[in-house]
Amino acid sequence: MSSLLSFVDNTKTALLQLGPSVAVILIALGGITYGLSFLQPAQNRGKWQSLAAGMIIGGVIVAAITGAAELIASSSATLLT
């Protein structure tokens, strides 16, 4: 049982360390993609812009979840008791 708990704790720590980096990468790539969308013909521009918007929104969501991870974990732990 202790190996399972240590695995979960190590996974949580790794995800908390990777979260901000993933968020910044998604937001930066979304901005670059949005800028490059204006170099595309009109019939392809919407596809590129929607992809960029999805990346930016995904980065914001990852940042919000990573920032609130400790609060989410503590509130969910109190729900089980």
C-alpha atoms as a PDB file:
ATOM      1  CA  MET A   1       0.000   0.000   0.000  1.00  0.00           C
ATOM      2  CA  SER A   2       2.852   2.381   0.753  1.00  0.00           C
ATOM      3  CA  SER A   3       4.279   1.887  -2.737  1.00  0.00           C
ATOM      4  CA  LEU A   4       0.952   2.959  -4.221  1.00  0.00           C
ATOM      5  CA  LEU A   5       0.876   6.064  -2.039  1.00  0.00           C
ATOM      6  CA  SER A   6       4.430   6.972  -2.952  1.00  0.00           C
ATOM      7  CA  PHE A   7       3.630   6.458  -6.642  1.00  0.00           C
ATOM      8  CA  VAL A   8       0.618   8.774  -6.406  1.00  0.00           C
ATOM      9  CA  ASP A   9       2.632  11.370  -4.479  1.00  0.00           C
ATOM     10  CA  ASN A  10       5.484  11.250  -7.010  1.00  0.00           C
ATOM     11  CA  THR A  11       3.008  11.559  -9.883  1.00  0.00           C
ATOM     12  CA  LYS A  12       1.328  14.549  -8.225  1.00  0.00           C
ATOM     13  CA  THR A  13       4.676  16.246  -7.703  1.00  0.00           C
ATOM     14  CA  ALA A  14       5.730  15.663 -11.309  1.00  0.00           C
ATOM     15  CA  LEU A  15       2.455  17.009 -12.684  1.00  0.00           C
ATOM     16  CA  LEU A  16       2.595  20.081 -10.459  1.00  0.00           C
ATOM     17  CA  GLN A  17       6.092  20.812 -11.758  1.00  0.00           C
ATOM     18  CA  LEU A  18       5.164  20.242 -15.417  1.00  0.00           C
ATOM     19  CA  GLY A  19       1.855  22.123 -15.360  1.00  0.00           C
ATOM     20  CA  PRO A  20       3.125  25.704 -15.602  1.00  0.00           C
ATOM     21  CA  SER A  21       5.589  24.800 -18.361  1.00  0.00           C
ATOM     22  CA  VAL A  22       2.889  23.080 -20.400  1.00  0.00           C
ATOM     23  CA  ALA A  23       0.579  26.077 -19.938  1.00  0.00           C
ATOM     24  CA  VAL A  24       3.207  28.561 -21.128  1.00  0.00           C
ATOM     25  CA  ILE A  25       4.122  26.376 -24.103  1.00  0.00           C
ATOM     26  CA  LEU A  26       0.471  26.043 -25.146  1.00  0.00           C
ATOM     27  CA  ILE A  27      -0.163  29.775 -24.858  1.00  0.00           C
ATOM     28  CA  ALA A  28       3.016  30.647 -26.780  1.00  0.00           C
ATOM     29  CA  LEU A  29       2.329  28.126 -29.549  1.00  0.00           C
ATOM     30  CA  GLY A  30      -1.250  29.371 -29.755  1.00  0.00           C
ATOM     31  CA  GLY A  31      -0.028  32.933 -30.227  1.00  0.00           C
ATOM     32  CA  ILE A  32       2.460  31.891 -32.900  1.00  0.00           C
ATOM     33  CA  THR A  33      -0.187  29.840 -34.694  1.00  0.00           C
ATOM     34  CA  TYR A  34      -2.627  32.741 -34.566  1.00  0.00           C
ATOM     35  CA  GLY A  35      -0.020  35.062 -36.030  1.00  0.00           C
ATOM     36  CA  LEU A  36       0.838  32.581 -38.778  1.00  0.00           C
ATOM     37  CA  SER A  37      -2.839  32.168 -39.631  1.00  0.00           C
ATOM     38  CA  PHE A  38      -2.805  35.564 -41.323  1.00  0.00           C
ATOM     39  CA  LEU A  39      -0.272  34.236 -43.832  1.00  0.00           C
ATOM     40  CA  GLN A  40      -2.742  31.564 -44.970  1.00  0.00           C
ATOM     41  CA  PRO A  41      -5.358  31.963 -47.693  1.00  0.00           C
ATOM     42  CA  ALA A  42      -8.832  32.999 -46.551  1.00  0.00           C
ATOM     43  CA  GLN A  43     -10.317  29.504 -46.854  1.00  0.00           C
ATOM     44  CA  ASN A  44      -7.692  28.057 -44.458  1.00  0.00           C
ATOM     45  CA  ARG A  45      -7.408  30.972 -42.039  1.00  0.00           C
ATOM     46  CA  GLY A  46     -10.377  29.938 -39.900  1.00  0.00           C
ATOM     47  CA  LYS A  47      -8.931  26.481 -39.289  1.00  0.00           C
ATOM     48  CA  TRP A  48      -5.639  27.938 -38.106  1.00  0.00           C
ATOM     49  CA  GLN A  49      -7.339  30.546 -35.925  1.00  0.00           C
ATOM     50  CA  SER A  50      -9.610  28.005 -34.256  1.00  0.00           C
ATOM     51  CA  LEU A  51      -6.591  25.761 -33.591  1.00  0.00           C
ATOM     52  CA  ALA A  52      -4.768  28.720 -32.047  1.00  0.00           C
ATOM     53  CA  ALA A  53      -7.762  29.663 -29.896  1.00  0.00           C
ATOM     54  CA  GLY A  54      -7.992  26.086 -28.669  1.00  0.00           C
ATOM     55  CA  MET A  55      -4.312  26.090 -27.708  1.00  0.00           C
ATOM     56  CA  ILE A  56      -4.617  29.378 -25.838  1.00  0.00           C
ATOM     57  CA  ILE A  57      -7.763  28.312 -23.984  1.00  0.00           C
ATOM     58  CA  GLY A  58      -6.179  24.958 -23.175  1.00  0.00           C
ATOM     59  CA  GLY A  59      -3.118  26.698 -21.768  1.00  0.00           C
ATOM     60  CA  VAL A  60      -5.270  28.928 -19.576  1.00  0.00           C
ATOM     61  CA  ILE A  61      -7.235  25.915 -18.297  1.00  0.00           C
ATOM     62  CA  VAL A  62      -4.040  23.979 -17.519  1.00  0.00           C
ATOM     63  CA  ALA A  63      -2.657  27.016 -15.674  1.00  0.00           C
ATOM     64  CA  ALA A  64      -5.860  27.408 -13.664  1.00  0.00           C
ATOM     65  CA  ILE A  65      -5.989  23.735 -12.693  1.00  0.00           C
ATOM     66  CA  THR A  66      -2.299  23.698 -11.799  1.00  0.00           C
ATOM     67  CA  GLY A  67      -2.668  26.839  -9.703  1.00  0.00           C
ATOM     68  CA  ALA A  68      -5.665  25.466  -7.836  1.00  0.00           C
ATOM     69  CA  ALA A  69      -4.405  21.888  -7.485  1.00  0.00           C
ATOM     70  CA  GLU A  70      -3.638  22.108  -3.776  1.00  0.00           C
ATOM     71  CA  LEU A  71      -7.013  23.683  -3.031  1.00  0.00           C
ATOM     72  CA  ILE A  72      -8.795  21.037  -5.097  1.00  0.00           C
ATOM     73  CA  ALA A  73      -6.889  18.248  -3.338  1.00  0.00           C
ATOM     74  CA  SER A  74      -7.598  19.565   0.145  1.00  0.00           C
ATOM     75  CA  SER A  75     -11.285  20.167  -0.494  1.00  0.00           C
ATOM     76  CA  SER A  76     -11.749  16.751  -2.083  1.00  0.00           C
ATOM     77  CA  ALA A  77      -9.969  15.102   0.853  1.00  0.00           C
ATOM     78  CA  THR A  78     -12.403  16.688   3.294  1.00  0.00           C
ATOM     79  CA  LEU A  79     -15.370  15.468   1.238  1.00  0.00           C
ATOM     80  CA  LEU A  80     -14.348  11.858   1.808  1.00  0.00           C
ATOM     81  CA  THR A  81     -14.221  12.111   5.579  1.00  0.00           C
END
